[in-house]
Amino acid sequence: MKGDLVYWVREGRGRLKSIKLTVCADTDTDVINNQGLSELRRQRIRRLMEQAKEQGAKLSYKDLSLILLTSKATLKRDIRTTR
């Protein structure tokens, strides 16, 4: 099951820019079954950040928190783990 999202991020001077993000990928089920929910969340964070970067945008903790329905503290911990 694949789930794409059009998300609006703020650029300089408050202008909005739309970007297309893949929130759910076909491989997510395999990751949950083999590596667990934490790894799935880390892979989603990496994927979302890479897609945003490719489209010339940056996602904040607040953006990721809204997209993934996860607390900022959890995101910060996961991002520290992925580096």
N, C-alpha and C. Protein backbone atom coordinates (compact mmCIF):
# COMPACT_ATOMS: atom_id res chain seq x y z
N MET A 1 0.84 -1.17 0.00
CA MET A 1 0.00 0.00 0.00
C MET A 1 0.89 1.24 0.00
N LYS A 2 0.63 2.13 -0.91
CA LYS A 2 1.44 3.34 -1.03
C LYS A 2 0.57 4.55 -0.71
N GLY A 3 1.14 5.49 0.02
CA GLY A 3 0.40 6.70 0.39
C GLY A 3 1.22 7.94 0.16
N ASP A 4 0.80 8.74 -0.80
CA ASP A 4 1.49 9.99 -1.10
C ASP A 4 0.74 11.16 -0.49
N LEU A 5 1.46 12.22 -0.25
CA LEU A 5 0.90 13.40 0.40
C LEU A 5 1.48 14.64 -0.27
N VAL A 6 0.63 15.60 -0.55
CA VAL A 6 1.12 16.92 -0.98
C VAL A 6 1.14 17.77 0.27
N TYR A 7 2.31 18.28 0.60
CA TYR A 7 2.51 19.03 1.83
C TYR A 7 3.05 20.41 1.49
N TRP A 8 2.64 21.39 2.25
CA TRP A 8 3.07 22.77 2.02
C TRP A 8 4.06 23.17 3.10
N VAL A 9 5.24 23.65 2.67
CA VAL A 9 6.25 24.12 3.61
C VAL A 9 6.51 25.60 3.38
N ARG A 10 6.93 26.27 4.44
CA ARG A 10 7.25 27.70 4.34
C ARG A 10 8.67 27.88 3.84
N GLU A 11 8.80 28.74 2.86
CA GLU A 11 10.11 29.13 2.36
C GLU A 11 10.46 30.49 2.95
N GLY A 12 11.56 31.05 2.50
CA GLY A 12 11.93 32.39 2.94
C GLY A 12 10.83 33.39 2.68
N ARG A 13 10.74 34.36 3.55
CA ARG A 13 9.74 35.42 3.47
C ARG A 13 8.31 34.90 3.58
N GLY A 14 8.14 33.72 4.16
CA GLY A 14 6.80 33.21 4.45
C GLY A 14 6.05 32.62 3.27
N ARG A 15 6.69 32.54 2.11
CA ARG A 15 6.02 31.95 0.95
C ARG A 15 5.86 30.46 1.14
N LEU A 16 4.78 29.92 0.60
CA LEU A 16 4.52 28.49 0.69
C LEU A 16 4.96 27.77 -0.57
N LYS A 17 5.45 26.55 -0.39
CA LYS A 17 5.87 25.72 -1.50
C LYS A 17 5.26 24.34 -1.30
N SER A 18 4.67 23.78 -2.35
CA SER A 18 4.11 22.44 -2.23
C SER A 18 5.16 21.41 -2.63
N ILE A 19 5.20 20.32 -1.86
CA ILE A 19 6.08 19.21 -2.17
C ILE A 19 5.28 17.91 -2.07
N LYS A 20 5.71 16.92 -2.81
CA LYS A 20 5.04 15.62 -2.79
C LYS A 20 5.90 14.65 -1.99
N LEU A 21 5.29 14.02 -0.98
CA LEU A 21 5.99 13.11 -0.10
C LEU A 21 5.32 11.75 -0.09
N THR A 22 6.11 10.70 0.03
CA THR A 22 5.59 9.35 0.17
C THR A 22 5.63 8.98 1.65
N VAL A 23 4.46 8.97 2.28
CA VAL A 23 4.38 8.65 3.70
C VAL A 23 4.43 7.15 3.91
N CYS A 24 3.67 6.40 3.12
CA CYS A 24 3.64 4.94 3.21
C CYS A 24 4.16 4.35 1.91
N ALA A 25 5.13 3.45 2.03
CA ALA A 25 5.71 2.79 0.86
C ALA A 25 5.33 1.31 0.87
N ASP A 26 5.49 0.69 -0.28
CA ASP A 26 5.14 -0.73 -0.41
C ASP A 26 5.97 -1.62 0.51
N THR A 27 7.17 -1.20 0.85
CA THR A 27 8.06 -2.03 1.67
C THR A 27 7.83 -1.87 3.18
N ASP A 28 6.95 -0.97 3.58
CA ASP A 28 6.74 -0.69 5.01
C ASP A 28 6.31 -1.92 5.79
N THR A 29 5.47 -2.76 5.22
CA THR A 29 4.99 -3.95 5.93
C THR A 29 6.15 -4.89 6.25
N ASP A 30 7.05 -5.06 5.29
CA ASP A 30 8.23 -5.92 5.52
C ASP A 30 9.10 -5.37 6.64
N VAL A 31 9.27 -4.06 6.68
CA VAL A 31 10.10 -3.44 7.71
C VAL A 31 9.48 -3.66 9.08
N ILE A 32 8.17 -3.47 9.22
CA ILE A 32 7.49 -3.68 10.51
C ILE A 32 7.68 -5.12 10.96
N ASN A 33 7.45 -6.06 10.05
CA ASN A 33 7.53 -7.47 10.41
C ASN A 33 8.94 -7.92 10.76
N ASN A 34 9.95 -7.37 10.09
CA ASN A 34 11.33 -7.84 10.29
C ASN A 34 12.16 -6.99 11.24
N GLN A 35 11.88 -5.68 11.30
CA GLN A 35 12.74 -4.79 12.07
C GLN A 35 12.02 -3.98 13.12
N GLY A 36 10.72 -3.93 13.08
CA GLY A 36 9.96 -3.24 14.12
C GLY A 36 9.53 -1.83 13.75
N LEU A 37 8.67 -1.29 14.60
CA LEU A 37 8.07 0.02 14.37
C LEU A 37 9.07 1.16 14.44
N SER A 38 10.05 1.06 15.34
CA SER A 38 11.05 2.13 15.45
C SER A 38 11.86 2.27 14.17
N GLU A 39 12.25 1.15 13.59
CA GLU A 39 13.01 1.20 12.34
C GLU A 39 12.14 1.73 11.21
N LEU A 40 10.88 1.36 11.19
CA LEU A 40 9.96 1.88 10.17
C LEU A 40 9.90 3.40 10.26
N ARG A 41 9.75 3.92 11.47
CA ARG A 41 9.69 5.37 11.65
C ARG A 41 10.98 6.03 11.19
N ARG A 42 12.14 5.44 11.51
CA ARG A 42 13.42 6.01 11.07
C ARG A 42 13.54 6.00 9.55
N GLN A 43 13.09 4.93 8.91
CA GLN A 43 13.14 4.88 7.44
C GLN A 43 12.22 5.92 6.83
N ARG A 44 11.05 6.11 7.43
CA ARG A 44 10.12 7.13 6.92
C ARG A 44 10.71 8.52 7.07
N ILE A 45 11.34 8.78 8.20
CA ILE A 45 11.97 10.09 8.42
C ILE A 45 13.03 10.34 7.35
N ARG A 46 13.90 9.35 7.12
CA ARG A 46 14.94 9.50 6.09
C ARG A 46 14.32 9.74 4.72
N ARG A 47 13.30 8.95 4.39
CA ARG A 47 12.66 9.08 3.07
C ARG A 47 12.02 10.46 2.91
N LEU A 48 11.29 10.92 3.91
CA LEU A 48 10.63 12.23 3.82
C LEU A 48 11.64 13.36 3.70
N MET A 49 12.72 13.28 4.48
CA MET A 49 13.73 14.34 4.43
C MET A 49 14.45 14.35 3.08
N GLU A 50 14.75 13.17 2.54
CA GLU A 50 15.39 13.09 1.23
C GLU A 50 14.48 13.63 0.13
N GLN A 51 13.20 13.26 0.18
CA GLN A 51 12.26 13.74 -0.84
C GLN A 51 12.10 15.26 -0.76
N ALA A 52 12.02 15.79 0.44
CA ALA A 52 11.90 17.24 0.60
C ALA A 52 13.15 17.94 0.05
N LYS A 53 14.32 17.40 0.38
CA LYS A 53 15.58 17.99 -0.09
C LYS A 53 15.66 17.97 -1.61
N GLU A 54 15.24 16.86 -2.24
CA GLU A 54 15.25 16.77 -3.70
C GLU A 54 14.37 17.82 -4.35
N GLN A 55 13.34 18.27 -3.61
CA GLN A 55 12.42 19.27 -4.14
C GLN A 55 12.75 20.69 -3.64
N GLY A 56 13.91 20.82 -3.03
CA GLY A 56 14.38 22.13 -2.59
C GLY A 56 13.70 22.65 -1.34
N ALA A 57 13.27 21.75 -0.47
CA ALA A 57 12.59 22.16 0.76
C ALA A 57 13.25 21.48 1.96
N LYS A 58 12.97 22.03 3.13
CA LYS A 58 13.44 21.44 4.38
C LYS A 58 12.22 21.20 5.27
N LEU A 59 12.23 20.08 5.96
CA LEU A 59 11.15 19.76 6.89
C LEU A 59 11.64 20.01 8.32
N SER A 60 10.83 20.68 9.10
CA SER A 60 11.17 20.94 10.50
C SER A 60 10.67 19.77 11.35
N TYR A 61 11.05 19.78 12.62
CA TYR A 61 10.51 18.78 13.55
C TYR A 61 8.99 18.87 13.60
N LYS A 62 8.49 20.10 13.56
CA LYS A 62 7.04 20.29 13.60
C LYS A 62 6.39 19.66 12.36
N ASP A 63 6.98 19.86 11.19
CA ASP A 63 6.45 19.25 9.97
C ASP A 63 6.41 17.73 10.09
N LEU A 64 7.55 17.15 10.49
CA LEU A 64 7.63 15.69 10.62
C LEU A 64 6.65 15.17 11.66
N SER A 65 6.50 15.91 12.75
CA SER A 65 5.57 15.52 13.80
C SER A 65 4.14 15.47 13.29
N LEU A 66 3.76 16.46 12.49
CA LEU A 66 2.41 16.49 11.92
C LEU A 66 2.20 15.39 10.88
N ILE A 67 3.20 15.14 10.07
CA ILE A 67 3.08 14.13 9.01
C ILE A 67 3.03 12.72 9.59
N LEU A 68 3.91 12.43 10.55
CA LEU A 68 4.04 11.07 11.08
C LEU A 68 3.23 10.83 12.36
N LEU A 69 2.58 11.88 12.86
CA LEU A 69 1.79 11.76 14.09
C LEU A 69 2.64 11.21 15.24
N THR A 70 3.80 11.82 15.41
CA THR A 70 4.78 11.41 16.41
C THR A 70 5.26 12.64 17.16
N SER A 71 5.62 12.45 18.42
CA SER A 71 6.08 13.58 19.21
C SER A 71 7.45 14.07 18.72
N LYS A 72 7.74 15.33 18.99
CA LYS A 72 9.04 15.90 18.61
C LYS A 72 10.17 15.19 19.33
N ALA A 73 9.95 14.80 20.59
CA ALA A 73 10.98 14.10 21.35
C ALA A 73 11.34 12.77 20.69
N THR A 74 10.35 12.03 20.23
CA THR A 74 10.59 10.76 19.55
C THR A 74 11.34 11.00 18.25
N LEU A 75 10.95 12.02 17.50
CA LEU A 75 11.64 12.34 16.25
C LEU A 75 13.11 12.68 16.50
N LYS A 76 13.37 13.50 17.50
CA LYS A 76 14.75 13.89 17.80
C LYS A 76 15.59 12.67 18.16
N ARG A 77 15.01 11.76 18.95
CA ARG A 77 15.72 10.54 19.32
C ARG A 77 16.00 9.68 18.08
N ASP A 78 15.00 9.54 17.22
CA ASP A 78 15.16 8.73 16.00
C ASP A 78 16.18 9.35 15.05
N ILE A 79 16.18 10.65 14.91
CA ILE A 79 17.13 11.31 14.03
C ILE A 79 18.54 11.18 14.57
N ARG A 80 18.72 11.28 15.87
CA ARG A 80 20.03 11.06 16.48
C ARG A 80 20.53 9.65 16.19
N THR A 81 19.63 8.68 16.21
CA THR A 81 19.98 7.27 15.98
C THR A 81 20.38 7.03 14.54
N THR A 82 19.77 7.76 13.58
CA THR A 82 20.03 7.52 12.16
C THR A 82 21.32 8.16 11.67
N ARG A 83 21.88 9.07 12.40
CA ARG A 83 23.09 9.77 11.94
C ARG A 83 24.32 8.93 12.06
